[in-house]
Amino acid sequence: MIDHIGFAVRDAERSRLFYAAALAPLGITLVMSATPEQTEAGGTAHGFGSDGKPFLWVGDNEKVGEGTHVALAARTRGEVDAFHAAALAAGGRDNGAPGLRPHYRPDYYAAFVHDPDGNNIEAVTFASA
């Protein structure tokens, strides 16, 4: 089980706006933010989650890396579709339109986008149509 995931972004404010829009269809919202004075590395960090618990952190307090991939659970295929549309509308780049990926699992329905820093963000559900 994963408690939370965090990764570096170049511009915390730009990423806050992107993730607020892209994650809304999944029921994930901004839960808290930390100022440079509150973080160990001296940058801004934003925590997204649900039920008051942040589990996805983005911040400009670390070095931006390559190859980061985060898969977020969706309840329905409609949520996956809505995530993809919202992420593209918020400035994300398509990295795989919503659809079945049976090579992973028969009911693996997912969509992929690159966020403003090139991180590969996926929404996935195993719910049947």
N, C-alpha and C. Protein backbone atom coordinates (compact mmCIF):
# COMPACT_ATOMS: atom_id res chain seq x y z
N MET A 1 0.84 -1.18 0.00
CA MET A 1 0.00 0.00 0.00
C MET A 1 0.89 1.25 0.00
N ILE A 2 0.49 2.22 -0.76
CA ILE A 2 1.23 3.48 -0.82
C ILE A 2 0.51 4.50 0.03
N ASP A 3 1.23 5.18 0.90
CA ASP A 3 0.65 6.23 1.72
C ASP A 3 0.54 7.53 0.94
N HIS A 4 1.62 7.91 0.28
CA HIS A 4 1.60 9.10 -0.57
C HIS A 4 2.75 9.06 -1.57
N ILE A 5 2.62 9.86 -2.62
CA ILE A 5 3.63 9.96 -3.66
C ILE A 5 3.93 11.44 -3.85
N GLY A 6 5.18 11.75 -4.06
CA GLY A 6 5.56 13.13 -4.33
C GLY A 6 6.57 13.19 -5.44
N PHE A 7 6.49 14.24 -6.23
CA PHE A 7 7.50 14.43 -7.26
C PHE A 7 7.70 15.90 -7.53
N ALA A 8 8.87 16.19 -8.08
CA ALA A 8 9.28 17.57 -8.31
C ALA A 8 8.67 18.14 -9.58
N VAL A 9 8.34 19.42 -9.52
CA VAL A 9 7.85 20.16 -10.67
C VAL A 9 8.63 21.47 -10.76
N ARG A 10 8.64 22.07 -11.94
CA ARG A 10 9.39 23.31 -12.14
C ARG A 10 8.68 24.52 -11.55
N ASP A 11 7.36 24.52 -11.60
CA ASP A 11 6.56 25.68 -11.19
C ASP A 11 5.39 25.17 -10.36
N ALA A 12 5.47 25.33 -9.05
CA ALA A 12 4.45 24.78 -8.15
C ALA A 12 3.07 25.37 -8.41
N GLU A 13 2.99 26.65 -8.70
CA GLU A 13 1.69 27.28 -8.94
C GLU A 13 1.06 26.77 -10.24
N ARG A 14 1.84 26.68 -11.30
CA ARG A 14 1.32 26.15 -12.56
C ARG A 14 0.84 24.72 -12.38
N SER A 15 1.60 23.92 -11.66
CA SER A 15 1.22 22.53 -11.42
C SER A 15 0.00 22.43 -10.51
N ARG A 16 -0.12 23.33 -9.54
CA ARG A 16 -1.31 23.33 -8.68
C ARG A 16 -2.57 23.53 -9.52
N LEU A 17 -2.53 24.48 -10.43
CA LEU A 17 -3.68 24.74 -11.30
C LEU A 17 -3.97 23.55 -12.20
N PHE A 18 -2.92 22.96 -12.79
CA PHE A 18 -3.09 21.79 -13.66
C PHE A 18 -3.73 20.63 -12.90
N TYR A 19 -3.16 20.26 -11.75
CA TYR A 19 -3.67 19.11 -11.02
C TYR A 19 -5.05 19.36 -10.42
N ALA A 20 -5.34 20.57 -10.00
CA ALA A 20 -6.67 20.88 -9.49
C ALA A 20 -7.73 20.60 -10.56
N ALA A 21 -7.45 20.97 -11.79
CA ALA A 21 -8.40 20.73 -12.89
C ALA A 21 -8.41 19.27 -13.32
N ALA A 22 -7.24 18.69 -13.51
CA ALA A 22 -7.14 17.33 -14.04
C ALA A 22 -7.66 16.27 -13.08
N LEU A 23 -7.49 16.48 -11.78
CA LEU A 23 -7.87 15.46 -10.80
C LEU A 23 -9.30 15.59 -10.30
N ALA A 24 -9.93 16.72 -10.56
CA ALA A 24 -11.31 16.94 -10.08
C ALA A 24 -12.27 15.82 -10.50
N PRO A 25 -12.20 15.33 -11.75
CA PRO A 25 -13.13 14.26 -12.12
C PRO A 25 -12.94 12.96 -11.32
N LEU A 26 -11.79 12.81 -10.70
CA LEU A 26 -11.51 11.61 -9.90
C LEU A 26 -11.87 11.82 -8.43
N GLY A 27 -12.40 13.01 -8.10
CA GLY A 27 -12.74 13.31 -6.72
C GLY A 27 -11.53 13.65 -5.87
N ILE A 28 -10.44 14.00 -6.51
CA ILE A 28 -9.20 14.36 -5.82
C ILE A 28 -9.06 15.87 -5.87
N THR A 29 -8.85 16.48 -4.70
CA THR A 29 -8.77 17.94 -4.62
C THR A 29 -7.51 18.36 -3.86
N LEU A 30 -7.22 19.65 -3.92
CA LEU A 30 -6.12 20.21 -3.14
C LEU A 30 -6.51 20.14 -1.67
N VAL A 31 -5.71 19.46 -0.86
CA VAL A 31 -5.99 19.30 0.56
C VAL A 31 -5.17 20.28 1.38
N MET A 32 -3.92 20.48 1.01
CA MET A 32 -3.07 21.40 1.74
C MET A 32 -1.90 21.86 0.90
N SER A 33 -1.33 22.98 1.30
CA SER A 33 -0.13 23.50 0.66
C SER A 33 0.88 23.82 1.75
N ALA A 34 2.15 23.72 1.41
CA ALA A 34 3.23 24.05 2.34
C ALA A 34 4.09 25.14 1.71
N THR A 35 4.40 26.14 2.48
CA THR A 35 5.23 27.25 2.01
C THR A 35 6.70 26.88 2.09
N PRO A 36 7.58 27.67 1.46
CA PRO A 36 9.01 27.39 1.56
C PRO A 36 9.51 27.32 3.01
N GLU A 37 8.90 28.08 3.89
CA GLU A 37 9.31 28.06 5.29
C GLU A 37 8.90 26.76 5.99
N GLN A 38 7.94 26.07 5.44
CA GLN A 38 7.42 24.85 6.06
C GLN A 38 8.02 23.56 5.50
N THR A 39 8.75 23.64 4.39
CA THR A 39 9.32 22.43 3.80
C THR A 39 10.80 22.33 4.12
N GLU A 40 11.28 21.11 4.22
CA GLU A 40 12.69 20.89 4.53
C GLU A 40 13.61 21.42 3.43
N ALA A 41 13.16 21.32 2.18
CA ALA A 41 14.02 21.71 1.05
C ALA A 41 13.82 23.18 0.65
N GLY A 42 12.90 23.89 1.29
CA GLY A 42 12.75 25.31 1.03
C GLY A 42 11.95 25.70 -0.19
N GLY A 43 11.02 24.88 -0.64
CA GLY A 43 10.18 25.23 -1.78
C GLY A 43 8.72 25.08 -1.43
N THR A 44 7.87 25.39 -2.38
CA THR A 44 6.43 25.25 -2.20
C THR A 44 5.99 23.84 -2.59
N ALA A 45 5.08 23.26 -1.82
CA ALA A 45 4.56 21.93 -2.12
C ALA A 45 3.05 21.95 -1.96
N HIS A 46 2.36 21.22 -2.83
CA HIS A 46 0.90 21.11 -2.79
C HIS A 46 0.51 19.65 -2.66
N GLY A 47 -0.37 19.35 -1.70
CA GLY A 47 -0.83 17.99 -1.47
C GLY A 47 -2.26 17.80 -1.91
N PHE A 48 -2.48 16.87 -2.82
CA PHE A 48 -3.81 16.55 -3.34
C PHE A 48 -4.25 15.22 -2.76
N GLY A 49 -5.54 15.09 -2.50
CA GLY A 49 -6.05 13.84 -1.95
C GLY A 49 -7.55 13.89 -1.82
N SER A 50 -8.05 13.10 -0.87
CA SER A 50 -9.49 13.07 -0.60
C SER A 50 -9.69 12.80 0.88
N ASP A 51 -10.88 13.10 1.35
CA ASP A 51 -11.22 12.89 2.77
C ASP A 51 -10.21 13.54 3.71
N GLY A 52 -9.66 14.68 3.31
CA GLY A 52 -8.73 15.42 4.15
C GLY A 52 -7.32 14.88 4.20
N LYS A 53 -7.02 13.83 3.43
CA LYS A 53 -5.68 13.24 3.45
C LYS A 53 -4.99 13.43 2.11
N PRO A 54 -3.87 14.16 2.10
CA PRO A 54 -3.12 14.29 0.85
C PRO A 54 -2.31 13.02 0.58
N PHE A 55 -2.37 12.54 -0.66
CA PHE A 55 -1.56 11.37 -1.02
C PHE A 55 -0.75 11.58 -2.29
N LEU A 56 -0.97 12.71 -2.96
CA LEU A 56 -0.19 13.04 -4.15
C LEU A 56 0.37 14.45 -3.96
N TRP A 57 1.68 14.55 -3.84
CA TRP A 57 2.35 15.82 -3.60
C TRP A 57 3.15 16.24 -4.82
N VAL A 58 3.04 17.53 -5.17
CA VAL A 58 3.88 18.11 -6.20
C VAL A 58 4.51 19.35 -5.60
N GLY A 59 5.80 19.53 -5.86
CA GLY A 59 6.47 20.69 -5.28
C GLY A 59 7.71 21.09 -6.04
N ASP A 60 8.05 22.37 -5.92
CA ASP A 60 9.26 22.88 -6.56
C ASP A 60 10.43 22.90 -5.58
N ASN A 61 10.34 22.06 -4.56
CA ASN A 61 11.38 22.02 -3.53
C ASN A 61 12.39 20.90 -3.77
N GLU A 62 12.33 20.25 -4.91
CA GLU A 62 13.27 19.19 -5.25
C GLU A 62 13.64 19.32 -6.72
N LYS A 63 14.64 18.58 -7.16
CA LYS A 63 15.06 18.61 -8.56
C LYS A 63 14.09 17.80 -9.42
N VAL A 64 13.69 18.40 -10.54
CA VAL A 64 12.79 17.72 -11.47
C VAL A 64 13.52 16.54 -12.10
N GLY A 65 12.90 15.37 -12.04
CA GLY A 65 13.50 14.18 -12.62
C GLY A 65 12.75 13.74 -13.86
N GLU A 66 13.23 12.71 -14.47
CA GLU A 66 12.59 12.17 -15.66
C GLU A 66 12.06 10.79 -15.37
N GLY A 67 11.05 10.40 -16.11
CA GLY A 67 10.53 9.05 -15.99
C GLY A 67 9.51 8.83 -14.89
N THR A 68 9.05 9.88 -14.25
CA THR A 68 8.06 9.71 -13.19
C THR A 68 6.72 9.30 -13.78
N HIS A 69 6.12 8.28 -13.19
CA HIS A 69 4.80 7.79 -13.61
C HIS A 69 3.97 7.56 -12.38
N VAL A 70 2.76 8.10 -12.39
CA VAL A 70 1.83 7.90 -11.29
C VAL A 70 0.51 7.42 -11.88
N ALA A 71 -0.01 6.33 -11.36
CA ALA A 71 -1.32 5.82 -11.78
C ALA A 71 -2.31 6.05 -10.66
N LEU A 72 -3.41 6.72 -10.99
CA LEU A 72 -4.44 7.05 -10.01
C LEU A 72 -5.70 6.24 -10.30
N ALA A 73 -6.29 5.70 -9.25
CA ALA A 73 -7.47 4.86 -9.39
C ALA A 73 -8.71 5.69 -9.69
N ALA A 74 -9.47 5.25 -10.67
CA ALA A 74 -10.77 5.84 -10.99
C ALA A 74 -11.83 4.79 -10.69
N ARG A 75 -13.03 5.25 -10.36
CA ARG A 75 -14.11 4.31 -10.06
C ARG A 75 -14.77 3.78 -11.32
N THR A 76 -14.83 4.62 -12.37
CA THR A 76 -15.55 4.24 -13.58
C THR A 76 -14.75 4.63 -14.82
N ARG A 77 -15.15 4.08 -15.94
CA ARG A 77 -14.54 4.48 -17.22
C ARG A 77 -14.87 5.93 -17.54
N GLY A 78 -16.04 6.38 -17.14
CA GLY A 78 -16.42 7.78 -17.34
C GLY A 78 -15.47 8.73 -16.62
N GLU A 79 -15.03 8.33 -15.43
CA GLU A 79 -14.07 9.15 -14.69
C GLU A 79 -12.73 9.21 -15.42
N VAL A 80 -12.31 8.08 -15.99
CA VAL A 80 -11.07 8.06 -16.77
C VAL A 80 -11.19 9.03 -17.95
N ASP A 81 -12.31 8.96 -18.66
CA ASP A 81 -12.54 9.85 -19.79
C ASP A 81 -12.52 11.31 -19.35
N ALA A 82 -13.20 11.60 -18.23
CA ALA A 82 -13.27 12.98 -17.73
C ALA A 82 -11.91 13.48 -17.28
N PHE A 83 -11.11 12.61 -16.65
CA PHE A 83 -9.75 12.97 -16.26
C PHE A 83 -8.94 13.39 -17.49
N HIS A 84 -8.99 12.57 -18.53
CA HIS A 84 -8.22 12.84 -19.73
C HIS A 84 -8.62 14.18 -20.35
N ALA A 85 -9.92 14.40 -20.47
CA ALA A 85 -10.42 15.66 -21.05
C ALA A 85 -10.02 16.86 -20.19
N ALA A 86 -10.17 16.73 -18.88
CA ALA A 86 -9.83 17.84 -17.98
C ALA A 86 -8.34 18.14 -18.00
N ALA A 87 -7.53 17.09 -18.05
CA ALA A 87 -6.08 17.28 -18.07
C ALA A 87 -5.64 17.98 -19.35
N LEU A 88 -6.21 17.58 -20.48
CA LEU A 88 -5.86 18.23 -21.74
C LEU A 88 -6.32 19.69 -21.74
N ALA A 89 -7.51 19.94 -21.22
CA ALA A 89 -8.02 21.31 -21.15
C ALA A 89 -7.18 22.18 -20.23
N ALA A 90 -6.52 21.56 -19.25
CA ALA A 90 -5.69 22.30 -18.30
C ALA A 90 -4.25 22.46 -18.79
N GLY A 91 -3.96 22.01 -20.00
CA GLY A 91 -2.63 22.19 -20.57
C GLY A 91 -1.77 20.94 -20.62
N GLY A 92 -2.33 19.80 -20.24
CA GLY A 92 -1.57 18.55 -20.34
C GLY A 92 -1.44 18.11 -21.80
N ARG A 93 -0.51 17.19 -22.03
CA ARG A 93 -0.31 16.64 -23.37
C ARG A 93 -0.74 15.18 -23.37
N ASP A 94 -1.45 14.80 -24.40
CA ASP A 94 -1.93 13.43 -24.53
C ASP A 94 -0.75 12.46 -24.58
N ASN A 95 -0.88 11.38 -23.82
CA ASN A 95 0.12 10.32 -23.86
C ASN A 95 -0.58 8.95 -23.95
N GLY A 96 -1.83 8.96 -24.38
CA GLY A 96 -2.59 7.73 -24.51
C GLY A 96 -4.05 7.99 -24.21
N ALA A 97 -4.87 8.03 -25.24
CA ALA A 97 -6.29 8.33 -25.09
C ALA A 97 -6.98 7.26 -24.24
N PRO A 98 -8.12 7.59 -23.66
CA PRO A 98 -8.87 6.60 -22.87
C PRO A 98 -9.20 5.36 -23.71
N GLY A 99 -9.00 4.21 -23.10
CA GLY A 99 -9.32 2.97 -23.79
C GLY A 99 -8.83 1.76 -23.03
N LEU A 100 -9.22 0.61 -23.53
CA LEU A 100 -8.80 -0.66 -22.93
C LEU A 100 -7.33 -0.92 -23.25
N ARG A 101 -6.63 -1.49 -22.30
CA ARG A 101 -5.24 -1.96 -22.47
C ARG A 101 -5.23 -3.43 -22.07
N PRO A 102 -5.83 -4.32 -22.91
CA PRO A 102 -5.96 -5.73 -22.53
C PRO A 102 -4.63 -6.46 -22.38
N HIS A 103 -3.56 -5.88 -22.91
CA HIS A 103 -2.25 -6.51 -22.74
C HIS A 103 -1.79 -6.44 -21.28
N TYR A 104 -2.39 -5.53 -20.48
CA TYR A 104 -2.10 -5.48 -19.05
C TYR A 104 -3.05 -6.40 -18.27
N ARG A 105 -4.35 -6.29 -18.64
CA ARG A 105 -5.40 -7.05 -17.97
C ARG A 105 -6.68 -6.84 -18.79
N PRO A 106 -7.56 -7.82 -18.86
CA PRO A 106 -8.72 -7.69 -19.74
C PRO A 106 -9.56 -6.42 -19.51
N ASP A 107 -9.78 -6.01 -18.27
CA ASP A 107 -10.61 -4.85 -17.98
C ASP A 107 -9.79 -3.60 -17.63
N TYR A 108 -8.53 -3.55 -18.05
CA TYR A 108 -7.65 -2.42 -17.75
C TYR A 108 -8.01 -1.27 -18.69
N TYR A 109 -8.72 -0.28 -18.16
CA TYR A 109 -9.16 0.88 -18.94
C TYR A 109 -8.45 2.10 -18.39
N ALA A 110 -7.69 2.77 -19.23
CA ALA A 110 -6.84 3.86 -18.73
C ALA A 110 -6.68 4.97 -19.75
N ALA A 111 -6.19 6.09 -19.26
CA ALA A 111 -5.80 7.23 -20.09
C ALA A 111 -4.53 7.81 -19.49
N PHE A 112 -3.68 8.34 -20.35
CA PHE A 112 -2.39 8.86 -19.92
C PHE A 112 -2.20 10.28 -20.44
N VAL A 113 -1.63 11.14 -19.60
CA VAL A 113 -1.27 12.50 -20.00
C VAL A 113 0.10 12.84 -19.43
N HIS A 114 0.76 13.76 -20.10
CA HIS A 114 1.97 14.36 -19.53
C HIS A 114 1.56 15.67 -18.90
N ASP A 115 1.97 15.89 -17.65
CA ASP A 115 1.68 17.15 -16.99
C ASP A 115 2.61 18.23 -17.54
N PRO A 116 2.53 19.48 -17.06
CA PRO A 116 3.37 20.54 -17.61
C PRO A 116 4.88 20.28 -17.54
N ASP A 117 5.30 19.37 -16.65
CA ASP A 117 6.73 19.06 -16.54
C ASP A 117 7.11 17.74 -17.19
N GLY A 118 6.17 17.11 -17.88
CA GLY A 118 6.48 15.87 -18.59
C GLY A 118 6.27 14.60 -17.78
N ASN A 119 5.78 14.72 -16.54
CA ASN A 119 5.48 13.53 -15.75
C ASN A 119 4.30 12.79 -16.39
N ASN A 120 4.36 11.47 -16.40
CA ASN A 120 3.33 10.63 -17.02
C ASN A 120 2.27 10.29 -15.98
N ILE A 121 1.08 10.89 -16.11
CA ILE A 121 0.01 10.69 -15.15
C ILE A 121 -1.08 9.84 -15.81
N GLU A 122 -1.50 8.81 -15.11
CA GLU A 122 -2.49 7.86 -15.63
C GLU A 122 -3.69 7.81 -14.70
N ALA A 123 -4.86 7.69 -15.28
CA ALA A 123 -6.06 7.33 -14.52
C ALA A 123 -6.48 5.96 -15.03
N VAL A 124 -6.78 5.03 -14.10
CA VAL A 124 -7.07 3.66 -14.48
C VAL A 124 -8.23 3.11 -13.66
N THR A 125 -9.05 2.29 -14.31
CA THR A 125 -10.09 1.55 -13.62
C THR A 125 -10.11 0.13 -14.17
N PHE A 126 -10.61 -0.77 -13.35
CA PHE A 126 -10.77 -2.16 -13.76
C PHE A 126 -12.25 -2.52 -13.84
N ALA A 127 -13.09 -1.48 -13.75
CA ALA A 127 -14.53 -1.67 -13.84
C ALA A 127 -14.92 -2.03 -15.28
N SER A 128 -15.84 -2.94 -15.41
CA SER A 128 -16.31 -3.27 -16.77
C SER A 128 -17.23 -2.16 -17.25
N ALA A 129 -17.46 -2.15 -18.55
CA ALA A 129 -18.27 -1.09 -19.17
C ALA A 129 -19.59 -1.01 -18.47
